[in-house]
């Protein structure tokens, strides 16, 4: 992150913005951050609008306060509390859902045949 004192800035903000790559330019007055020029590569408008929305900022502040007070759960604790034993993103088809032409379907059929 690059820091520039507004009192010593030698170029216009547009010129600083034109030179942005992946680095944030922090603008300061009396050693306090007053603004930032942030590259927006890969960021959509909704994310930009949400990041400065007062209600969203209140939610973030409330969450940070809960963390400071130790009122949070780890992911493992949350899964235990909810009775979740595997990731919801893991897809495991039942034998009926497996296509008959696939190698795994042939293994399932062989296993069933052996059990008979």
N, C-alpha and C. Protein backbone atom coordinates (compact mmCIF):
# COMPACT_ATOMS: atom_id res chain seq x y z
N UNK A 1 0.85 -1.17 0.00
CA UNK A 1 0.00 0.00 0.00
C UNK A 1 0.89 1.23 0.00
N UNK A 2 0.53 2.15 -0.85
CA UNK A 2 1.29 3.39 -0.96
C UNK A 2 0.55 4.48 -0.18
N UNK A 3 1.28 5.27 0.60
CA UNK A 3 0.68 6.35 1.39
C UNK A 3 1.18 7.69 0.87
N UNK A 4 0.23 8.60 0.68
CA UNK A 4 0.57 9.94 0.19
C UNK A 4 -0.07 10.97 1.11
N UNK A 5 0.74 11.92 1.58
CA UNK A 5 0.20 13.03 2.35
C UNK A 5 -0.44 14.01 1.37
N UNK A 6 -1.67 14.38 1.63
CA UNK A 6 -2.35 15.30 0.72
C UNK A 6 -1.60 16.62 0.57
N UNK A 7 -0.95 17.06 1.63
CA UNK A 7 -0.23 18.34 1.57
C UNK A 7 0.98 18.28 0.65
N UNK A 8 1.50 17.08 0.40
CA UNK A 8 2.68 16.96 -0.47
C UNK A 8 2.37 16.28 -1.80
N UNK A 9 1.10 15.98 -2.06
CA UNK A 9 0.73 15.33 -3.33
C UNK A 9 1.10 16.25 -4.48
N UNK A 10 1.82 15.71 -5.43
CA UNK A 10 2.32 16.53 -6.53
C UNK A 10 1.51 16.35 -7.82
N UNK A 11 0.60 15.39 -7.83
CA UNK A 11 -0.19 15.14 -9.04
C UNK A 11 -1.68 15.17 -8.69
N UNK A 12 -2.52 15.20 -9.71
CA UNK A 12 -3.96 15.15 -9.47
C UNK A 12 -4.36 13.73 -9.10
N UNK A 13 -5.51 13.59 -8.45
CA UNK A 13 -6.01 12.26 -8.09
C UNK A 13 -6.22 11.41 -9.34
N UNK A 14 -6.65 12.02 -10.43
CA UNK A 14 -6.84 11.28 -11.67
C UNK A 14 -5.53 10.65 -12.15
N UNK A 15 -4.43 11.37 -11.99
CA UNK A 15 -3.13 10.83 -12.40
C UNK A 15 -2.72 9.66 -11.50
N UNK A 16 -2.96 9.78 -10.20
CA UNK A 16 -2.67 8.66 -9.30
C UNK A 16 -3.53 7.45 -9.66
N UNK A 17 -4.81 7.71 -9.94
CA UNK A 17 -5.73 6.62 -10.29
C UNK A 17 -5.32 5.95 -11.59
N UNK A 18 -4.84 6.72 -12.55
CA UNK A 18 -4.43 6.16 -13.84
C UNK A 18 -3.22 5.23 -13.69
N UNK A 19 -2.41 5.45 -12.68
CA UNK A 19 -1.21 4.63 -12.47
C UNK A 19 -1.45 3.41 -11.58
N UNK A 20 -2.68 3.19 -11.12
CA UNK A 20 -2.97 2.06 -10.23
C UNK A 20 -2.71 0.72 -10.93
N UNK A 21 -2.15 -0.19 -10.18
CA UNK A 21 -2.04 -1.57 -10.65
C UNK A 21 -2.86 -2.41 -9.67
N UNK A 22 -2.23 -3.04 -8.72
CA UNK A 22 -2.94 -3.79 -7.68
C UNK A 22 -2.74 -3.16 -6.30
N UNK A 23 -2.14 -1.99 -6.27
CA UNK A 23 -1.78 -1.35 -5.00
C UNK A 23 -2.79 -0.27 -4.62
N UNK A 24 -3.16 -0.23 -3.37
CA UNK A 24 -4.05 0.81 -2.85
C UNK A 24 -3.22 2.04 -2.53
N UNK A 25 -3.73 3.22 -2.88
CA UNK A 25 -3.07 4.48 -2.54
C UNK A 25 -3.87 5.10 -1.41
N UNK A 26 -3.25 5.25 -0.24
CA UNK A 26 -3.89 5.81 0.94
C UNK A 26 -3.53 7.28 1.05
N UNK A 27 -4.55 8.13 1.15
CA UNK A 27 -4.34 9.56 1.26
C UNK A 27 -4.50 9.97 2.72
N UNK A 28 -3.53 10.73 3.23
CA UNK A 28 -3.53 11.09 4.65
C UNK A 28 -3.43 12.60 4.85
N UNK A 29 -3.97 13.02 5.98
CA UNK A 29 -3.83 14.39 6.47
C UNK A 29 -3.53 14.29 7.95
N UNK A 30 -2.44 14.92 8.40
CA UNK A 30 -2.03 14.87 9.81
C UNK A 30 -1.94 13.42 10.30
N UNK A 31 -1.34 12.58 9.48
CA UNK A 31 -1.12 11.15 9.79
C UNK A 31 -2.41 10.36 10.00
N UNK A 32 -3.54 10.86 9.50
CA UNK A 32 -4.81 10.13 9.57
C UNK A 32 -5.27 9.84 8.16
N UNK A 33 -5.70 8.63 7.92
CA UNK A 33 -6.23 8.26 6.61
C UNK A 33 -7.54 9.00 6.38
N UNK A 34 -7.64 9.66 5.24
CA UNK A 34 -8.87 10.39 4.91
C UNK A 34 -9.55 9.84 3.66
N UNK A 35 -8.80 9.13 2.84
CA UNK A 35 -9.38 8.56 1.62
C UNK A 35 -8.41 7.52 1.07
N UNK A 36 -8.92 6.74 0.13
CA UNK A 36 -8.08 5.75 -0.52
C UNK A 36 -8.48 5.66 -1.98
N UNK A 37 -7.50 5.44 -2.82
CA UNK A 37 -7.75 5.15 -4.22
C UNK A 37 -7.50 3.66 -4.37
N UNK A 38 -8.55 2.94 -4.73
CA UNK A 38 -8.51 1.48 -4.73
C UNK A 38 -8.72 0.96 -6.15
N UNK A 39 -7.85 0.06 -6.63
CA UNK A 39 -8.08 -0.52 -7.95
C UNK A 39 -9.33 -1.42 -7.91
N UNK A 40 -10.16 -1.34 -8.92
CA UNK A 40 -11.42 -2.09 -8.93
C UNK A 40 -11.41 -3.26 -9.92
N UNK A 41 -10.24 -3.73 -10.24
CA UNK A 41 -10.13 -4.87 -11.14
C UNK A 41 -10.80 -6.09 -10.50
N UNK A 42 -11.80 -6.66 -11.17
CA UNK A 42 -12.46 -7.86 -10.69
C UNK A 42 -13.51 -7.63 -9.62
N UNK A 43 -13.89 -6.39 -9.37
CA UNK A 43 -14.89 -6.09 -8.35
C UNK A 43 -16.15 -5.57 -9.04
N UNK A 44 -17.31 -6.13 -8.69
CA UNK A 44 -18.55 -5.69 -9.32
C UNK A 44 -19.17 -4.51 -8.55
N UNK A 45 -20.12 -3.85 -9.20
CA UNK A 45 -20.74 -2.66 -8.60
C UNK A 45 -21.48 -2.98 -7.31
N UNK A 46 -22.10 -4.16 -7.23
CA UNK A 46 -22.84 -4.52 -6.01
C UNK A 46 -21.90 -4.59 -4.82
N UNK A 47 -20.72 -5.14 -5.01
CA UNK A 47 -19.74 -5.23 -3.91
C UNK A 47 -19.30 -3.84 -3.47
N UNK A 48 -19.12 -2.96 -4.42
CA UNK A 48 -18.71 -1.59 -4.08
C UNK A 48 -19.82 -0.88 -3.30
N UNK A 49 -21.05 -1.00 -3.78
CA UNK A 49 -22.18 -0.35 -3.11
C UNK A 49 -22.38 -0.90 -1.70
N UNK A 50 -22.27 -2.22 -1.56
CA UNK A 50 -22.49 -2.86 -0.26
C UNK A 50 -21.40 -2.49 0.74
N UNK A 51 -20.17 -2.36 0.28
CA UNK A 51 -19.06 -2.12 1.19
C UNK A 51 -19.16 -0.79 1.93
N UNK A 52 -19.91 0.16 1.41
CA UNK A 52 -20.06 1.44 2.08
C UNK A 52 -21.44 1.68 2.64
N UNK A 53 -22.32 0.69 2.54
CA UNK A 53 -23.70 0.85 3.00
C UNK A 53 -23.75 0.85 4.53
N UNK A 54 -24.41 1.82 5.15
CA UNK A 54 -24.43 1.92 6.62
C UNK A 54 -24.95 0.67 7.33
N UNK A 55 -26.00 0.05 6.78
CA UNK A 55 -26.54 -1.16 7.42
C UNK A 55 -25.53 -2.31 7.37
N UNK A 56 -24.85 -2.45 6.25
CA UNK A 56 -23.83 -3.49 6.13
C UNK A 56 -22.68 -3.23 7.10
N UNK A 57 -22.27 -1.99 7.22
CA UNK A 57 -21.18 -1.65 8.14
C UNK A 57 -21.58 -1.92 9.60
N UNK A 58 -22.87 -1.73 9.93
CA UNK A 58 -23.35 -2.06 11.28
C UNK A 58 -23.27 -3.56 11.53
N UNK A 59 -23.64 -4.35 10.53
CA UNK A 59 -23.57 -5.81 10.65
C UNK A 59 -22.13 -6.25 10.88
N UNK A 60 -21.20 -5.67 10.13
CA UNK A 60 -19.77 -6.00 10.29
C UNK A 60 -19.30 -5.61 11.69
N UNK A 61 -19.65 -4.42 12.15
CA UNK A 61 -19.25 -3.96 13.49
C UNK A 61 -19.81 -4.88 14.56
N UNK A 62 -21.08 -5.29 14.42
CA UNK A 62 -21.70 -6.18 15.39
C UNK A 62 -20.98 -7.54 15.41
N UNK A 63 -20.63 -8.06 14.24
CA UNK A 63 -19.90 -9.33 14.16
C UNK A 63 -18.52 -9.24 14.80
N UNK A 64 -17.82 -8.15 14.55
CA UNK A 64 -16.50 -7.98 15.16
C UNK A 64 -16.58 -7.88 16.67
N UNK A 65 -17.63 -7.22 17.17
CA UNK A 65 -17.82 -7.12 18.63
C UNK A 65 -18.10 -8.50 19.22
N UNK A 66 -18.88 -9.31 18.53
CA UNK A 66 -19.15 -10.68 19.00
C UNK A 66 -17.87 -11.50 19.06
N UNK A 67 -17.02 -11.33 18.07
CA UNK A 67 -15.73 -12.05 18.06
C UNK A 67 -14.88 -11.62 19.25
N UNK A 68 -14.80 -10.30 19.50
CA UNK A 68 -14.03 -9.81 20.65
C UNK A 68 -14.55 -10.36 21.97
N UNK A 69 -15.87 -10.51 22.08
CA UNK A 69 -16.46 -11.02 23.31
C UNK A 69 -16.42 -12.55 23.39
N UNK A 70 -15.95 -13.21 22.35
CA UNK A 70 -15.88 -14.67 22.34
C UNK A 70 -17.23 -15.34 22.14
N UNK A 71 -18.14 -14.66 21.49
CA UNK A 71 -19.49 -15.19 21.28
C UNK A 71 -19.66 -15.84 19.91
N UNK A 72 -18.62 -16.49 19.43
CA UNK A 72 -18.69 -17.11 18.11
C UNK A 72 -18.43 -18.61 18.21
N UNK A 73 -18.74 -19.33 17.13
CA UNK A 73 -18.49 -20.77 17.05
C UNK A 73 -17.57 -21.05 15.88
N UNK A 74 -16.77 -22.10 16.03
CA UNK A 74 -15.96 -22.54 14.90
C UNK A 74 -16.89 -23.28 13.93
N UNK A 75 -16.42 -23.54 12.73
CA UNK A 75 -17.20 -24.28 11.75
C UNK A 75 -17.52 -25.68 12.27
N UNK A 76 -16.56 -26.33 12.92
CA UNK A 76 -16.78 -27.67 13.47
C UNK A 76 -17.87 -27.64 14.55
N UNK A 77 -17.83 -26.61 15.42
CA UNK A 77 -18.85 -26.47 16.46
C UNK A 77 -20.23 -26.23 15.85
N UNK A 78 -20.28 -25.43 14.79
CA UNK A 78 -21.55 -25.14 14.11
C UNK A 78 -22.12 -26.40 13.48
N UNK A 79 -21.27 -27.19 12.82
CA UNK A 79 -21.74 -28.44 12.21
C UNK A 79 -22.26 -29.40 13.26
N UNK A 80 -21.58 -29.49 14.40
CA UNK A 80 -22.04 -30.35 15.49
C UNK A 80 -23.38 -29.87 16.02
N UNK A 81 -23.52 -28.57 16.22
CA UNK A 81 -24.77 -28.01 16.74
C UNK A 81 -25.94 -28.24 15.79
N UNK A 82 -25.66 -28.22 14.49
CA UNK A 82 -26.72 -28.40 13.50
C UNK A 82 -26.91 -29.86 13.10
N UNK A 83 -26.02 -30.74 13.58
CA UNK A 83 -26.12 -32.15 13.23
C UNK A 83 -25.69 -32.45 11.80
N UNK A 84 -24.81 -31.64 11.28
CA UNK A 84 -24.31 -31.84 9.92
C UNK A 84 -23.04 -32.66 9.99
N UNK A 85 -23.00 -33.79 9.27
CA UNK A 85 -21.82 -34.64 9.35
C UNK A 85 -20.96 -34.60 8.10
N UNK A 86 -21.42 -33.91 7.04
CA UNK A 86 -20.58 -33.76 5.85
C UNK A 86 -20.88 -32.44 5.18
N UNK A 87 -19.99 -32.04 4.31
CA UNK A 87 -20.13 -30.77 3.62
C UNK A 87 -21.35 -30.81 2.70
N UNK A 88 -22.17 -29.74 2.68
CA UNK A 88 -23.32 -29.72 1.78
C UNK A 88 -22.91 -29.63 0.32
N UNK A 89 -21.67 -29.30 0.04
CA UNK A 89 -21.20 -29.20 -1.34
C UNK A 89 -20.72 -30.52 -1.90
N UNK A 90 -20.75 -31.57 -1.10
CA UNK A 90 -20.30 -32.88 -1.55
C UNK A 90 -21.48 -33.63 -2.13
N UNK A 91 -21.38 -34.01 -3.38
CA UNK A 91 -22.46 -34.73 -4.04
C UNK A 91 -22.08 -36.19 -4.11
N UNK A 92 -22.91 -37.04 -3.56
CA UNK A 92 -22.68 -38.48 -3.60
C UNK A 92 -23.95 -39.14 -4.12
N UNK A 93 -23.97 -39.51 -5.40
CA UNK A 93 -25.18 -40.08 -5.98
C UNK A 93 -25.48 -41.45 -5.39
N UNK A 94 -26.75 -41.76 -5.30
CA UNK A 94 -27.15 -43.09 -4.85
C UNK A 94 -26.92 -44.06 -6.02
N UNK A 95 -26.86 -45.36 -5.76
CA UNK A 95 -26.64 -46.33 -6.85
C UNK A 95 -27.67 -46.19 -7.96
N UNK A 96 -28.89 -45.80 -7.64
CA UNK A 96 -29.91 -45.63 -8.68
C UNK A 96 -29.61 -44.46 -9.59
N UNK A 97 -28.91 -43.44 -9.07
CA UNK A 97 -28.61 -42.26 -9.86
C UNK A 97 -27.41 -42.45 -10.77
N UNK A 98 -26.60 -43.46 -10.50
CA UNK A 98 -25.39 -43.69 -11.29
C UNK A 98 -25.79 -44.26 -12.64
N UNK A 99 -25.24 -43.71 -13.70
CA UNK A 99 -25.55 -44.22 -15.04
C UNK A 99 -25.08 -45.65 -15.18
N UNK A 100 -25.87 -46.47 -15.81
CA UNK A 100 -25.56 -47.89 -15.95
C UNK A 100 -24.31 -48.14 -16.78
N UNK A 101 -23.94 -47.23 -17.65
CA UNK A 101 -22.78 -47.45 -18.50
C UNK A 101 -21.46 -47.03 -17.85
N UNK A 102 -21.54 -46.41 -16.69
CA UNK A 102 -20.31 -45.94 -16.05
C UNK A 102 -19.61 -47.08 -15.32
N UNK A 103 -18.28 -46.98 -15.16
CA UNK A 103 -17.54 -48.02 -14.44
C UNK A 103 -18.05 -48.21 -13.01
N UNK A 104 -18.43 -47.12 -12.35
CA UNK A 104 -18.91 -47.25 -10.97
C UNK A 104 -20.24 -48.00 -10.94
N UNK A 105 -21.09 -47.82 -11.95
CA UNK A 105 -22.35 -48.55 -12.00
C UNK A 105 -22.11 -50.04 -12.18
N UNK A 106 -21.11 -50.40 -12.99
CA UNK A 106 -20.78 -51.83 -13.18
C UNK A 106 -20.28 -52.44 -11.87
N UNK A 107 -19.49 -51.65 -11.09
CA UNK A 107 -19.01 -52.16 -9.80
C UNK A 107 -20.17 -52.38 -8.84
N UNK A 108 -21.14 -51.46 -8.83
CA UNK A 108 -22.30 -51.60 -7.97
C UNK A 108 -23.07 -52.86 -8.35
N UNK A 109 -23.25 -53.09 -9.66
CA UNK A 109 -23.99 -54.26 -10.13
C UNK A 109 -23.26 -55.54 -9.74
N UNK A 110 -21.93 -55.58 -9.92
CA UNK A 110 -21.15 -56.76 -9.55
C UNK A 110 -21.28 -57.05 -8.06
N UNK A 111 -21.25 -55.99 -7.25
CA UNK A 111 -21.37 -56.15 -5.80
C UNK A 111 -22.74 -56.74 -5.45
N UNK A 112 -23.79 -56.25 -6.09
CA UNK A 112 -25.14 -56.78 -5.83
C UNK A 112 -25.24 -58.24 -6.25
N UNK A 113 -24.64 -58.57 -7.40
CA UNK A 113 -24.68 -59.96 -7.90
C UNK A 113 -23.98 -60.91 -6.96
N UNK A 114 -22.86 -60.46 -6.36
CA UNK A 114 -22.12 -61.32 -5.42
C UNK A 114 -22.92 -61.58 -4.15
N UNK A 115 -23.69 -60.58 -3.72
CA UNK A 115 -24.46 -60.72 -2.49
C UNK A 115 -25.60 -61.71 -2.63
N UNK A 116 -26.09 -61.96 -3.84
CA UNK A 116 -27.24 -62.87 -4.06
C UNK A 116 -26.89 -64.30 -3.91
